[in-house]
Amino acid sequence: MSAMQKLLETLPQAGRVEWIGLRPARRTKPRPVEEAEIRVGEGLIGDRFSGVPASKRQITLIQAEHLVAVGAMLGRAPLEPELTRRNVVVAGINLLALRRSKFRLGTALLQGTGPCAPCSRMEEHFGPGGYNAMRGHGGITARVLESGVVRVGDTVVLVEAGALAPGEED
């Protein structure tokens, strides 16, 4: 095992779910909920993307710390979670460390599938520069491996680190 792989497998911090949002329809703000059901093959029940077949983007997550950073770059208070168009806001863990890994979100088991890039709606929500302020701070996407429930206050913990592709550095 390489030294880099050993580092990837060492993530002693546990995150905490700060906010959960479900968007029932296109172009609507997510409505905050205290808990949500997560199902294999469906994602978050009640979200407009629920049941999209073979989606790598069944759930989107963003760090609470990035809401503060992006807000500061835009010269404003921390971003309101619903305006980022992400499903779950977590604090206390580096989500990018989970982007290829298996992790628990509440009682569900997820697999990180990659970064969650911002879209052009960031300009609509945050004004000029919103898109570029979100670059590198958009969080991650994930698919569901085991169904479960997530509640505000639940933990987010690494279960199994993802491997680097040959020649890739993190």
N, C-alpha and C. Protein backbone atom coordinates (compact mmCIF):
# COMPACT_ATOMS: atom_id res chain seq x y z
N MET A 1 0.85 -1.18 0.00
CA MET A 1 0.00 0.00 0.00
C MET A 1 0.90 1.24 0.00
N SER A 2 0.56 2.18 -0.86
CA SER A 2 1.35 3.40 -0.96
C SER A 2 1.10 4.31 0.24
N ALA A 3 2.04 5.22 0.46
CA ALA A 3 1.89 6.19 1.54
C ALA A 3 0.65 7.05 1.32
N MET A 4 0.36 7.38 0.05
CA MET A 4 -0.82 8.20 -0.25
C MET A 4 -2.09 7.42 0.09
N GLN A 5 -2.15 6.15 -0.26
CA GLN A 5 -3.34 5.34 0.05
C GLN A 5 -3.54 5.25 1.56
N LYS A 6 -2.45 5.14 2.32
CA LYS A 6 -2.57 5.11 3.78
C LYS A 6 -3.18 6.41 4.31
N LEU A 7 -2.76 7.53 3.74
CA LEU A 7 -3.32 8.82 4.16
C LEU A 7 -4.81 8.91 3.82
N LEU A 8 -5.18 8.40 2.64
CA LEU A 8 -6.58 8.42 2.23
C LEU A 8 -7.47 7.61 3.16
N GLU A 9 -6.92 6.56 3.74
CA GLU A 9 -7.69 5.69 4.62
C GLU A 9 -7.76 6.20 6.05
N THR A 10 -7.07 7.30 6.34
CA THR A 10 -7.05 7.86 7.68
C THR A 10 -7.91 9.12 7.72
N LEU A 11 -9.14 8.97 8.17
CA LEU A 11 -10.04 10.11 8.31
C LEU A 11 -10.75 9.96 9.65
N PRO A 12 -10.08 10.37 10.73
CA PRO A 12 -10.64 10.15 12.06
C PRO A 12 -11.83 11.05 12.41
N GLN A 13 -12.01 12.14 11.67
CA GLN A 13 -13.10 13.05 11.98
C GLN A 13 -14.44 12.44 11.56
N ALA A 14 -15.46 12.76 12.33
CA ALA A 14 -16.83 12.44 11.95
C ALA A 14 -17.53 13.76 11.69
N GLY A 15 -18.29 13.81 10.61
CA GLY A 15 -19.05 15.00 10.31
C GLY A 15 -20.42 14.95 10.96
N ARG A 16 -21.14 16.05 10.85
CA ARG A 16 -22.48 16.16 11.44
C ARG A 16 -23.42 16.76 10.40
N VAL A 17 -24.60 16.17 10.24
CA VAL A 17 -25.60 16.70 9.32
C VAL A 17 -26.21 17.96 9.94
N GLU A 18 -26.10 19.08 9.22
CA GLU A 18 -26.60 20.37 9.70
C GLU A 18 -27.94 20.75 9.08
N TRP A 19 -28.20 20.26 7.86
CA TRP A 19 -29.39 20.68 7.12
C TRP A 19 -29.70 19.63 6.06
N ILE A 20 -30.98 19.40 5.80
CA ILE A 20 -31.43 18.50 4.74
C ILE A 20 -32.51 19.24 3.96
N GLY A 21 -32.43 19.17 2.64
CA GLY A 21 -33.43 19.84 1.80
C GLY A 21 -33.89 18.95 0.66
N LEU A 22 -35.19 18.98 0.38
CA LEU A 22 -35.78 18.22 -0.72
C LEU A 22 -36.44 19.20 -1.69
N ARG A 23 -36.13 19.03 -2.97
CA ARG A 23 -36.77 19.86 -4.00
C ARG A 23 -37.84 19.03 -4.68
N PRO A 24 -39.11 19.37 -4.48
CA PRO A 24 -40.18 18.56 -5.06
C PRO A 24 -40.34 18.74 -6.57
N ALA A 25 -39.86 19.85 -7.13
CA ALA A 25 -40.03 20.10 -8.56
C ALA A 25 -38.88 20.95 -9.08
N ARG A 26 -38.75 20.98 -10.41
CA ARG A 26 -37.73 21.77 -11.08
C ARG A 26 -37.91 23.26 -10.77
N ARG A 27 -36.80 23.95 -10.59
CA ARG A 27 -36.76 25.40 -10.34
C ARG A 27 -37.47 25.83 -9.06
N THR A 28 -37.62 24.90 -8.12
CA THR A 28 -38.16 25.28 -6.82
C THR A 28 -37.05 25.23 -5.80
N LYS A 29 -37.19 26.01 -4.75
CA LYS A 29 -36.23 25.97 -3.65
C LYS A 29 -36.43 24.66 -2.89
N PRO A 30 -35.34 24.08 -2.40
CA PRO A 30 -35.52 22.91 -1.54
C PRO A 30 -36.26 23.31 -0.26
N ARG A 31 -37.10 22.42 0.21
CA ARG A 31 -37.77 22.69 1.48
C ARG A 31 -37.00 21.95 2.56
N PRO A 32 -36.64 22.64 3.62
CA PRO A 32 -35.89 22.01 4.70
C PRO A 32 -36.75 20.96 5.41
N VAL A 33 -36.11 19.85 5.76
CA VAL A 33 -36.77 18.79 6.52
C VAL A 33 -35.82 18.36 7.64
N GLU A 34 -36.37 17.79 8.68
CA GLU A 34 -35.55 17.30 9.80
C GLU A 34 -35.00 15.90 9.54
N GLU A 35 -35.69 15.15 8.67
CA GLU A 35 -35.21 13.81 8.33
C GLU A 35 -35.71 13.44 6.95
N ALA A 36 -35.01 12.48 6.33
CA ALA A 36 -35.40 12.01 5.00
C ALA A 36 -35.04 10.55 4.85
N GLU A 37 -35.87 9.85 4.10
CA GLU A 37 -35.60 8.45 3.79
C GLU A 37 -34.71 8.39 2.55
N ILE A 38 -33.74 7.50 2.59
CA ILE A 38 -32.81 7.31 1.48
C ILE A 38 -32.95 5.87 1.02
N ARG A 39 -33.20 5.67 -0.29
CA ARG A 39 -33.39 4.31 -0.80
C ARG A 39 -32.43 4.01 -1.95
N VAL A 40 -31.98 2.75 -1.97
CA VAL A 40 -31.15 2.27 -3.08
C VAL A 40 -31.94 2.44 -4.37
N GLY A 41 -31.29 2.96 -5.40
CA GLY A 41 -31.92 3.13 -6.70
C GLY A 41 -32.84 4.33 -6.80
N GLU A 42 -33.07 5.03 -5.68
CA GLU A 42 -33.99 6.16 -5.70
C GLU A 42 -33.38 7.44 -5.14
N GLY A 43 -32.47 7.33 -4.19
CA GLY A 43 -31.93 8.53 -3.56
C GLY A 43 -32.83 9.00 -2.44
N LEU A 44 -32.96 10.31 -2.29
CA LEU A 44 -33.78 10.90 -1.23
C LEU A 44 -35.25 10.88 -1.65
N ILE A 45 -36.07 10.21 -0.88
CA ILE A 45 -37.50 10.13 -1.19
C ILE A 45 -38.12 11.51 -1.00
N GLY A 46 -38.84 11.97 -2.02
CA GLY A 46 -39.45 13.29 -1.97
C GLY A 46 -38.69 14.34 -2.75
N ASP A 47 -37.46 14.01 -3.17
CA ASP A 47 -36.68 14.94 -3.97
C ASP A 47 -37.01 14.71 -5.44
N ARG A 48 -36.92 15.74 -6.25
CA ARG A 48 -37.30 15.62 -7.66
C ARG A 48 -36.41 14.65 -8.44
N PHE A 49 -35.21 14.38 -7.97
CA PHE A 49 -34.33 13.43 -8.63
C PHE A 49 -34.50 12.01 -8.13
N SER A 50 -35.39 11.80 -7.18
CA SER A 50 -35.63 10.46 -6.64
C SER A 50 -36.05 9.52 -7.76
N GLY A 51 -35.38 8.37 -7.83
CA GLY A 51 -35.74 7.35 -8.80
C GLY A 51 -35.12 7.51 -10.17
N VAL A 52 -34.24 8.50 -10.37
CA VAL A 52 -33.57 8.62 -11.66
C VAL A 52 -32.64 7.42 -11.80
N PRO A 53 -32.90 6.57 -12.81
CA PRO A 53 -32.14 5.31 -12.91
C PRO A 53 -30.64 5.53 -13.11
N ALA A 54 -29.86 4.71 -12.43
CA ALA A 54 -28.40 4.66 -12.57
C ALA A 54 -27.72 6.01 -12.40
N SER A 55 -28.31 6.89 -11.62
CA SER A 55 -27.72 8.21 -11.43
C SER A 55 -26.54 8.15 -10.46
N LYS A 56 -25.47 8.83 -10.81
CA LYS A 56 -24.33 8.98 -9.89
C LYS A 56 -24.59 10.15 -8.95
N ARG A 57 -25.71 10.85 -9.18
CA ARG A 57 -26.01 12.07 -8.44
C ARG A 57 -27.32 11.90 -7.66
N GLN A 58 -27.46 10.78 -6.96
CA GLN A 58 -28.69 10.54 -6.20
C GLN A 58 -28.82 11.48 -5.01
N ILE A 59 -27.68 11.87 -4.45
CA ILE A 59 -27.66 12.79 -3.31
C ILE A 59 -26.49 13.75 -3.51
N THR A 60 -26.72 15.02 -3.19
CA THR A 60 -25.64 16.00 -3.25
C THR A 60 -25.38 16.54 -1.85
N LEU A 61 -24.10 16.70 -1.53
CA LEU A 61 -23.70 17.16 -0.20
C LEU A 61 -22.74 18.33 -0.33
N ILE A 62 -22.83 19.26 0.60
CA ILE A 62 -21.93 20.41 0.64
C ILE A 62 -21.52 20.64 2.10
N GLN A 63 -20.34 21.20 2.28
CA GLN A 63 -19.84 21.50 3.62
C GLN A 63 -20.36 22.83 4.13
N ALA A 64 -20.76 22.86 5.37
CA ALA A 64 -21.21 24.10 6.01
C ALA A 64 -20.09 25.14 5.99
N GLU A 65 -18.86 24.68 6.15
CA GLU A 65 -17.72 25.60 6.16
C GLU A 65 -17.58 26.32 4.82
N HIS A 66 -18.00 25.67 3.74
CA HIS A 66 -17.90 26.30 2.42
C HIS A 66 -18.99 27.35 2.21
N LEU A 67 -20.11 27.21 2.92
CA LEU A 67 -21.15 28.24 2.85
C LEU A 67 -20.61 29.57 3.38
N VAL A 68 -19.77 29.47 4.41
CA VAL A 68 -19.14 30.66 4.99
C VAL A 68 -18.09 31.22 4.02
N ALA A 69 -17.25 30.34 3.47
CA ALA A 69 -16.17 30.79 2.58
C ALA A 69 -16.73 31.45 1.32
N VAL A 70 -17.71 30.84 0.69
CA VAL A 70 -18.28 31.41 -0.54
C VAL A 70 -18.99 32.72 -0.23
N GLY A 71 -19.71 32.76 0.88
CA GLY A 71 -20.35 34.01 1.28
C GLY A 71 -19.33 35.12 1.44
N ALA A 72 -18.20 34.81 2.06
CA ALA A 72 -17.14 35.82 2.25
C ALA A 72 -16.58 36.29 0.91
N MET A 73 -16.40 35.36 -0.04
CA MET A 73 -15.90 35.75 -1.36
C MET A 73 -16.87 36.67 -2.09
N LEU A 74 -18.13 36.53 -1.78
CA LEU A 74 -19.15 37.37 -2.41
C LEU A 74 -19.46 38.63 -1.59
N GLY A 75 -18.74 38.79 -0.47
CA GLY A 75 -18.95 39.96 0.37
C GLY A 75 -20.28 39.96 1.08
N ARG A 76 -20.71 38.79 1.50
CA ARG A 76 -22.01 38.67 2.17
C ARG A 76 -21.93 37.66 3.30
N ALA A 77 -23.01 37.49 3.99
CA ALA A 77 -23.09 36.50 5.08
C ALA A 77 -22.99 35.10 4.48
N PRO A 78 -22.82 34.07 5.33
CA PRO A 78 -22.81 32.71 4.81
C PRO A 78 -24.04 32.44 3.94
N LEU A 79 -23.84 31.61 2.92
CA LEU A 79 -24.92 31.28 1.99
C LEU A 79 -26.04 30.52 2.68
N GLU A 80 -27.25 30.76 2.24
CA GLU A 80 -28.39 29.99 2.71
C GLU A 80 -28.32 28.63 2.02
N PRO A 81 -28.42 27.53 2.77
CA PRO A 81 -28.25 26.20 2.17
C PRO A 81 -29.15 25.93 0.97
N GLU A 82 -30.40 26.37 1.03
CA GLU A 82 -31.33 26.05 -0.06
C GLU A 82 -30.92 26.69 -1.38
N LEU A 83 -30.17 27.78 -1.33
CA LEU A 83 -29.76 28.45 -2.57
C LEU A 83 -28.63 27.72 -3.29
N THR A 84 -27.94 26.82 -2.61
CA THR A 84 -26.85 26.07 -3.25
C THR A 84 -27.39 24.91 -4.08
N ARG A 85 -28.66 24.56 -3.90
CA ARG A 85 -29.31 23.47 -4.63
C ARG A 85 -28.72 22.11 -4.27
N ARG A 86 -28.17 21.98 -3.07
CA ARG A 86 -27.65 20.70 -2.59
C ARG A 86 -28.67 20.12 -1.61
N ASN A 87 -28.59 18.79 -1.41
CA ASN A 87 -29.55 18.11 -0.53
C ASN A 87 -29.16 18.13 0.94
N VAL A 88 -27.86 18.00 1.21
CA VAL A 88 -27.42 17.83 2.60
C VAL A 88 -26.22 18.73 2.87
N VAL A 89 -26.29 19.44 3.99
CA VAL A 89 -25.17 20.26 4.45
C VAL A 89 -24.57 19.55 5.66
N VAL A 90 -23.25 19.33 5.61
CA VAL A 90 -22.55 18.69 6.73
C VAL A 90 -21.44 19.61 7.22
N ALA A 91 -21.06 19.43 8.47
CA ALA A 91 -19.96 20.20 9.06
C ALA A 91 -18.98 19.24 9.72
N GLY A 92 -17.73 19.67 9.81
CA GLY A 92 -16.74 18.93 10.59
C GLY A 92 -16.00 17.82 9.87
N ILE A 93 -16.23 17.64 8.58
CA ILE A 93 -15.51 16.61 7.83
C ILE A 93 -15.27 17.14 6.42
N ASN A 94 -14.13 16.82 5.85
CA ASN A 94 -13.79 17.25 4.50
C ASN A 94 -14.49 16.34 3.50
N LEU A 95 -15.54 16.84 2.86
CA LEU A 95 -16.30 16.02 1.91
C LEU A 95 -15.45 15.55 0.74
N LEU A 96 -14.48 16.33 0.31
CA LEU A 96 -13.65 15.89 -0.81
C LEU A 96 -12.88 14.61 -0.47
N ALA A 97 -12.64 14.38 0.80
CA ALA A 97 -11.98 13.14 1.23
C ALA A 97 -12.90 11.94 1.04
N LEU A 98 -14.20 12.19 0.83
CA LEU A 98 -15.17 11.11 0.65
C LEU A 98 -15.60 10.93 -0.80
N ARG A 99 -15.06 11.68 -1.70
CA ARG A 99 -15.60 11.71 -3.06
C ARG A 99 -15.50 10.40 -3.83
N ARG A 100 -14.64 9.47 -3.42
CA ARG A 100 -14.55 8.14 -4.04
C ARG A 100 -14.87 7.03 -3.04
N SER A 101 -15.19 7.40 -1.84
CA SER A 101 -15.27 6.45 -0.73
C SER A 101 -16.68 6.06 -0.37
N LYS A 102 -16.76 4.99 0.43
CA LYS A 102 -18.04 4.58 1.02
C LYS A 102 -18.12 5.26 2.38
N PHE A 103 -19.30 5.82 2.67
CA PHE A 103 -19.47 6.49 3.96
C PHE A 103 -20.90 6.38 4.43
N ARG A 104 -21.07 6.49 5.74
CA ARG A 104 -22.40 6.47 6.36
C ARG A 104 -22.90 7.90 6.48
N LEU A 105 -24.13 8.08 6.04
CA LEU A 105 -24.87 9.32 6.23
C LEU A 105 -26.11 8.91 6.99
N GLY A 106 -26.12 9.18 8.30
CA GLY A 106 -27.18 8.61 9.13
C GLY A 106 -27.05 7.09 9.10
N THR A 107 -28.14 6.39 8.79
CA THR A 107 -28.07 4.92 8.73
C THR A 107 -27.86 4.40 7.31
N ALA A 108 -27.82 5.28 6.31
CA ALA A 108 -27.62 4.87 4.92
C ALA A 108 -26.13 4.75 4.61
N LEU A 109 -25.81 3.88 3.66
CA LEU A 109 -24.45 3.75 3.16
C LEU A 109 -24.41 4.34 1.76
N LEU A 110 -23.51 5.29 1.55
CA LEU A 110 -23.37 5.96 0.27
C LEU A 110 -21.99 5.72 -0.31
N GLN A 111 -21.87 5.94 -1.61
CA GLN A 111 -20.59 5.90 -2.32
C GLN A 111 -20.40 7.25 -2.97
N GLY A 112 -19.33 7.95 -2.61
CA GLY A 112 -19.04 9.21 -3.27
C GLY A 112 -18.75 8.96 -4.74
N THR A 113 -19.33 9.78 -5.62
CA THR A 113 -19.15 9.57 -7.06
C THR A 113 -18.40 10.70 -7.73
N GLY A 114 -18.08 11.76 -7.00
CA GLY A 114 -17.29 12.84 -7.59
C GLY A 114 -17.67 14.19 -7.05
N PRO A 115 -17.00 15.21 -7.56
CA PRO A 115 -17.32 16.58 -7.13
C PRO A 115 -18.66 17.03 -7.70
N CYS A 116 -19.30 17.95 -7.03
CA CYS A 116 -20.57 18.52 -7.48
C CYS A 116 -20.27 19.94 -7.97
N ALA A 117 -20.10 20.05 -9.26
CA ALA A 117 -19.74 21.34 -9.84
C ALA A 117 -20.93 22.31 -9.79
N PRO A 118 -20.64 23.60 -9.68
CA PRO A 118 -21.73 24.57 -9.69
C PRO A 118 -22.36 24.68 -11.07
N CYS A 119 -23.57 25.21 -11.12
CA CYS A 119 -24.24 25.43 -12.40
C CYS A 119 -24.48 26.93 -12.57
N SER A 120 -25.01 27.30 -13.71
CA SER A 120 -25.24 28.72 -14.01
C SER A 120 -26.25 29.37 -13.08
N ARG A 121 -27.05 28.58 -12.38
CA ARG A 121 -28.04 29.15 -11.46
C ARG A 121 -27.37 29.86 -10.28
N MET A 122 -26.09 29.59 -10.06
CA MET A 122 -25.39 30.26 -8.97
C MET A 122 -25.37 31.77 -9.21
N GLU A 123 -25.31 32.19 -10.47
CA GLU A 123 -25.37 33.62 -10.79
C GLU A 123 -26.74 34.18 -10.42
N GLU A 124 -27.80 33.41 -10.69
CA GLU A 124 -29.16 33.85 -10.35
C GLU A 124 -29.33 33.98 -8.84
N HIS A 125 -28.82 33.00 -8.11
CA HIS A 125 -29.03 32.97 -6.66
C HIS A 125 -28.13 33.93 -5.89
N PHE A 126 -26.88 34.09 -6.36
CA PHE A 126 -25.91 34.86 -5.58
C PHE A 126 -25.45 36.14 -6.26
N GLY A 127 -25.88 36.38 -7.48
CA GLY A 127 -25.47 37.58 -8.19
C GLY A 127 -24.19 37.37 -8.98
N PRO A 128 -23.70 38.44 -9.61
CA PRO A 128 -22.49 38.34 -10.42
C PRO A 128 -21.33 37.73 -9.62
N GLY A 129 -20.67 36.76 -10.22
CA GLY A 129 -19.55 36.09 -9.57
C GLY A 129 -19.95 34.87 -8.76
N GLY A 130 -21.24 34.60 -8.64
CA GLY A 130 -21.72 33.45 -7.86
C GLY A 130 -21.18 32.12 -8.37
N TYR A 131 -21.17 31.96 -9.68
CA TYR A 131 -20.67 30.71 -10.27
C TYR A 131 -19.20 30.50 -9.90
N ASN A 132 -18.38 31.51 -10.14
CA ASN A 132 -16.94 31.36 -9.86
C ASN A 132 -16.64 31.25 -8.38
N ALA A 133 -17.42 31.89 -7.53
CA ALA A 133 -17.21 31.76 -6.09
C ALA A 133 -17.48 30.32 -5.63
N MET A 134 -18.43 29.65 -6.28
CA MET A 134 -18.77 28.27 -5.90
C MET A 134 -17.79 27.24 -6.45
N ARG A 135 -17.00 27.61 -7.45
CA ARG A 135 -16.06 26.64 -8.04
C ARG A 135 -15.11 26.12 -6.97
N GLY A 136 -15.02 24.80 -6.87
CA GLY A 136 -14.17 24.18 -5.86
C GLY A 136 -14.82 24.08 -4.49
N HIS A 137 -16.03 24.61 -4.36
CA HIS A 137 -16.73 24.60 -3.08
C HIS A 137 -18.12 23.99 -3.19
N GLY A 138 -18.38 23.28 -4.29
CA GLY A 138 -19.73 22.76 -4.56
C GLY A 138 -20.08 21.47 -3.86
N GLY A 139 -19.12 20.85 -3.18
CA GLY A 139 -19.40 19.61 -2.48
C GLY A 139 -19.21 18.38 -3.35
N ILE A 140 -19.94 17.32 -3.04
CA ILE A 140 -19.80 16.06 -3.76
C ILE A 140 -21.17 15.48 -4.11
N THR A 141 -21.14 14.53 -5.03
CA THR A 141 -22.32 13.74 -5.38
C THR A 141 -22.12 12.33 -4.84
N ALA A 142 -23.23 11.62 -4.63
CA ALA A 142 -23.14 10.26 -4.11
C ALA A 142 -24.31 9.42 -4.60
N ARG A 143 -24.09 8.11 -4.61
CA ARG A 143 -25.17 7.17 -4.91
C ARG A 143 -25.40 6.31 -3.68
N VAL A 144 -26.57 5.72 -3.60
CA VAL A 144 -26.97 4.96 -2.42
C VAL A 144 -26.61 3.49 -2.58
N LEU A 145 -25.89 2.94 -1.61
CA LEU A 145 -25.54 1.51 -1.60
C LEU A 145 -26.45 0.72 -0.67
N GLU A 146 -26.85 1.33 0.45
CA GLU A 146 -27.77 0.71 1.41
C GLU A 146 -28.77 1.76 1.85
N SER A 147 -30.04 1.39 1.84
CA SER A 147 -31.10 2.30 2.26
C SER A 147 -30.99 2.64 3.73
N GLY A 148 -31.57 3.77 4.11
CA GLY A 148 -31.56 4.18 5.51
C GLY A 148 -32.29 5.50 5.68
N VAL A 149 -32.06 6.13 6.81
CA VAL A 149 -32.67 7.41 7.14
C VAL A 149 -31.56 8.36 7.57
N VAL A 150 -31.71 9.62 7.18
CA VAL A 150 -30.78 10.66 7.64
C VAL A 150 -31.59 11.72 8.37
N ARG A 151 -31.04 12.16 9.49
CA ARG A 151 -31.69 13.20 10.31
C ARG A 151 -30.69 14.31 10.59
N VAL A 152 -31.19 15.51 10.75
CA VAL A 152 -30.32 16.60 11.19
C VAL A 152 -29.71 16.18 12.53
N GLY A 153 -28.40 16.32 12.64
CA GLY A 153 -27.69 15.91 13.85
C GLY A 153 -26.98 14.57 13.70
N ASP A 154 -27.34 13.78 12.67
CA ASP A 154 -26.68 12.49 12.44
C ASP A 154 -25.22 12.68 12.06
N THR A 155 -24.46 11.61 12.17
CA THR A 155 -23.04 11.66 11.82
C THR A 155 -22.81 11.25 10.37
N VAL A 156 -21.66 11.67 9.88
CA VAL A 156 -21.15 11.29 8.57
C VAL A 156 -19.76 10.72 8.84
N VAL A 157 -19.56 9.43 8.50
CA VAL A 157 -18.27 8.80 8.80
C VAL A 157 -17.79 7.95 7.62
N LEU A 158 -16.49 7.96 7.43
CA LEU A 158 -15.85 7.12 6.42
C LEU A 158 -16.01 5.66 6.81
N VAL A 159 -16.38 4.83 5.84
CA VAL A 159 -16.48 3.38 6.05
C VAL A 159 -15.34 2.68 5.33
N GLU A 160 -15.12 3.06 4.07
CA GLU A 160 -14.06 2.44 3.27
C GLU A 160 -13.52 3.47 2.29
N ALA A 161 -12.24 3.73 2.36
CA ALA A 161 -11.63 4.73 1.49
C ALA A 161 -11.63 4.26 0.06
N GLY A 162 -11.84 5.19 -0.85
CA GLY A 162 -11.75 4.89 -2.28
C GLY A 162 -10.30 4.88 -2.71
N ALA A 163 -10.01 4.09 -3.72
CA ALA A 163 -8.63 3.98 -4.21
C ALA A 163 -8.36 5.05 -5.26
N LEU A 164 -7.12 5.47 -5.34
CA LEU A 164 -6.70 6.39 -6.39
C LEU A 164 -6.57 5.61 -7.70
N ALA A 165 -6.86 6.27 -8.79
CA ALA A 165 -6.63 5.67 -10.10
C ALA A 165 -5.11 5.65 -10.35
N PRO A 166 -4.63 4.73 -11.17
CA PRO A 166 -3.19 4.68 -11.44
C PRO A 166 -2.66 6.03 -11.91
N GLY A 167 -1.59 6.49 -11.27
CA GLY A 167 -0.96 7.76 -11.61
C GLY A 167 -1.67 9.00 -11.06
N GLU A 168 -2.76 8.81 -10.36
CA GLU A 168 -3.52 9.94 -9.84
C GLU A 168 -3.01 10.33 -8.46
N GLU A 169 -3.00 11.64 -8.20
CA GLU A 169 -2.67 12.14 -6.88
C GLU A 169 -3.87 12.88 -6.34
N ASP A 170 -4.00 12.93 -5.04
CA ASP A 170 -5.13 13.60 -4.43
C ASP A 170 -4.73 14.96 -3.92
